[in-house]
């Protein structure tokens, strides 16, 4: 994969990112010092102009090399608690921490020789057959007879008239 438009979809901090070399991304806070090299090995998809490789769940041997640019804070999120009629008001806020990464290189060993790899289609049972099976199960179930109501109401109405 020596194409000019190489990209990868990586997983970092429970989220997925589409990255290209030279791109800068903010990921969930990682414990790395500014300037350290970071190796992201959870590569889900890797591709370029000619071919695409989809991992199940990850692409074997593929990794993304990045450099940490330090920790950054997000915009302040304001939390305002309010209860009417009792003069209760609380205003607090927080900044979420992110690690800013600069993507240096996407490595995919041996992918230059391979053809495009695509997911095999999953064979599903036709909907009509599935519905027919459910209907057959319902037909076999025992029908309950309706519960007979007592004549209590009629007796009360007759007794209240006197």
Protein backbone atom coordinates (compact mmCIF):
# COMPACT_ATOMS: atom_id res chain seq x y z
CA UNK A 1 0.00 0.00 0.00
CA UNK A 2 2.32 2.67 -1.18
CA UNK A 3 -0.54 4.78 -2.55
CA UNK A 4 -0.61 8.52 -2.11
CA UNK A 5 -3.97 8.50 -0.32
CA UNK A 6 -3.32 5.86 2.32
CA UNK A 7 -5.68 5.92 5.30
CA UNK A 8 -6.50 3.82 8.34
CA UNK A 9 -9.38 3.54 10.75
CA UNK A 10 -8.02 3.08 14.25
CA UNK A 11 -9.53 2.54 17.67
CA UNK A 12 -8.26 4.65 20.55
CA UNK A 13 -9.99 5.25 23.85
CA UNK A 14 -13.14 3.40 22.81
CA UNK A 15 -13.68 5.61 19.76
CA UNK A 16 -12.82 5.14 16.09
CA UNK A 17 -10.88 7.64 14.01
CA UNK A 18 -10.09 7.82 10.28
CA UNK A 19 -6.48 8.99 10.00
CA UNK A 20 -4.01 9.86 7.26
CA UNK A 21 -0.28 10.68 7.57
CA UNK A 22 0.28 14.28 8.63
CA UNK A 23 -3.12 14.60 10.30
CA UNK A 24 -3.58 15.82 13.90
CA UNK A 25 -6.29 14.23 16.07
CA UNK A 26 -7.47 14.55 19.67
CA UNK A 27 -8.02 11.20 21.41
CA UNK A 28 -9.08 10.29 24.95
CA UNK A 29 -6.39 11.15 27.49
CA UNK A 30 -3.33 8.86 27.23
CA UNK A 31 -0.55 8.83 29.80
CA UNK A 32 2.25 9.96 27.48
CA UNK A 33 4.63 12.89 27.68
CA UNK A 34 4.75 15.56 24.99
CA UNK A 35 7.09 14.48 22.19
CA UNK A 36 6.86 10.74 22.92
CA UNK A 37 6.21 8.26 20.11
CA UNK A 38 2.87 6.43 20.32
CA UNK A 39 2.16 3.16 18.53
CA UNK A 40 -1.53 2.48 17.85
CA UNK A 41 -1.95 -1.19 16.90
CA UNK A 42 -5.76 -1.46 16.93
CA UNK A 43 -6.16 -0.86 13.19
CA UNK A 44 -9.64 -1.84 11.99
CA UNK A 45 -9.36 -0.90 8.29
CA UNK A 46 -6.44 0.13 6.13
CA UNK A 47 -6.65 1.24 2.53
CA UNK A 48 -5.54 3.46 -0.33
CA UNK A 49 -6.63 4.28 -3.89
CA UNK A 50 -6.24 0.70 -5.14
CA UNK A 51 -7.12 -1.66 -2.31
CA UNK A 52 -8.75 -1.92 1.10
CA UNK A 53 -8.14 -4.42 3.89
CA UNK A 54 -10.74 -4.96 6.57
CA UNK A 55 -9.64 -6.58 9.81
CA UNK A 56 -11.68 -9.13 11.71
CA UNK A 57 -11.54 -7.45 14.23
CA UNK A 58 -8.07 -5.94 13.63
CA UNK A 59 -5.65 -5.97 10.70
CA UNK A 60 -2.73 -8.22 11.66
CA UNK A 61 0.67 -6.53 11.72
CA UNK A 62 -0.67 -3.09 10.85
CA UNK A 63 0.05 -0.14 13.10
CA UNK A 64 -0.10 3.63 13.10
CA UNK A 65 2.87 5.60 14.43
CA UNK A 66 2.13 8.98 15.99
CA UNK A 67 3.83 11.64 18.07
CA UNK A 68 2.23 13.13 21.17
CA UNK A 69 1.83 16.90 21.15
CA UNK A 70 0.74 17.02 24.78
CA UNK A 71 -2.51 17.19 26.71
CA UNK A 72 -5.22 19.65 25.72
CA UNK A 73 -8.46 20.63 27.45
CA UNK A 74 -11.83 20.76 25.77
CA UNK A 75 -14.26 23.64 25.92
CA UNK A 76 -15.85 23.99 29.34
CA UNK A 77 -19.04 22.00 29.82
CA UNK A 78 -21.44 23.82 32.16
CA UNK A 79 -23.68 21.80 34.47
CA UNK A 80 -26.53 23.85 35.95
CA UNK A 81 -28.81 22.26 38.55
CA UNK A 82 -32.06 24.08 39.32
CA UNK A 83 -35.14 23.38 41.40
CA UNK A 84 -38.08 25.67 41.09
CA UNK A 85 -39.78 27.31 44.08
CA UNK A 86 -37.03 26.42 46.59
CA UNK A 87 -34.23 28.82 45.53
CA UNK A 88 -31.86 25.95 44.69
CA UNK A 89 -29.27 26.70 42.00
CA UNK A 90 -25.87 25.02 41.48
CA UNK A 91 -23.56 25.93 38.62
CA UNK A 92 -20.48 23.77 38.03
CA UNK A 93 -18.37 22.95 35.02
CA UNK A 94 -15.63 20.70 33.78
CA UNK A 95 -13.00 20.44 31.07
CA UNK A 96 -12.40 17.06 29.45
CA UNK A 97 -8.74 16.13 28.87
CA UNK A 98 -7.54 14.92 25.47
CA UNK A 99 -4.16 13.91 24.08
CA UNK A 100 -3.31 15.56 20.77
CA UNK A 101 -1.54 13.17 18.37
CA UNK A 102 0.20 13.93 15.12
CA UNK A 103 0.03 10.93 12.74
CA UNK A 104 3.50 10.23 11.33
CA UNK A 105 3.23 6.92 9.47
CA UNK A 106 0.83 4.10 8.68
CA UNK A 107 2.55 0.72 8.51
CA UNK A 108 0.94 -2.26 6.81
CA UNK A 109 3.40 -5.12 6.21
CA UNK A 110 2.78 -7.23 3.10
CA UNK A 111 -0.32 -5.40 1.93
CA UNK A 112 1.28 -4.17 -1.29
CA UNK A 113 1.08 -7.68 -2.77
CA UNK A 114 -2.45 -8.54 -1.66
CA UNK A 115 -5.60 -7.90 -3.58
CA UNK A 116 -8.54 -6.06 -2.12
CA UNK A 117 -10.00 -8.02 0.79
CA UNK A 118 -13.72 -7.64 1.41
CA UNK A 119 -16.02 -9.08 4.04
CA UNK A 120 -17.92 -12.16 2.96
CA UNK A 121 -21.68 -11.60 2.91
CA UNK A 122 -23.53 -13.15 5.81
CA UNK A 123 -26.22 -15.59 4.69
CA UNK A 124 -29.47 -14.91 6.46
CA UNK A 125 -32.59 -17.01 6.52
CA UNK A 126 -35.32 -15.49 4.34
CA UNK A 127 -37.88 -13.47 6.25
CA UNK A 128 -40.86 -15.50 5.00
CA UNK A 129 -39.43 -18.75 6.36
CA UNK A 130 -38.67 -17.16 9.73
CA UNK A 131 -42.21 -15.79 9.97
CA UNK A 132 -43.66 -19.16 8.96
CA UNK A 133 -41.74 -20.85 11.79
CA UNK A 134 -43.03 -18.31 14.32
CA UNK A 135 -46.61 -18.77 13.08
CA UNK A 136 -46.31 -22.56 13.40
CA UNK A 137 -45.16 -22.20 17.01
CA UNK A 138 -48.09 -19.91 17.80
CA UNK A 139 -50.62 -22.33 16.28
CA UNK A 140 -49.37 -25.16 18.49
CA UNK A 141 -49.91 -23.20 21.69
CA UNK A 142 -52.99 -24.05 23.77
CA UNK A 143 -55.82 -21.53 23.65
CA UNK A 144 -57.22 -20.43 26.99
CA UNK A 145 -60.94 -20.20 27.54
CA UNK A 146 -62.24 -16.83 28.71
CA UNK A 147 -62.99 -16.55 32.42
CA UNK A 148 -66.70 -16.38 33.21
CA UNK A 149 -67.73 -13.32 35.16
CA UNK A 150 -69.79 -13.79 38.27
CA UNK A 151 -73.29 -12.40 38.40
CA UNK A 152 -72.44 -10.25 41.41
CA UNK A 153 -73.17 -7.01 39.64
CA UNK A 154 -76.71 -8.02 38.72
CA UNK A 155 -77.47 -8.98 42.32
CA UNK A 156 -76.23 -5.60 43.60
CA UNK A 157 -78.36 -3.69 41.09
CA UNK A 158 -81.44 -5.71 42.03
CA UNK A 159 -80.84 -5.19 45.76
CA UNK A 160 -80.24 -1.43 45.56
CA UNK A 161 -83.64 -0.77 43.98
CA UNK A 162 -85.60 -1.71 47.12
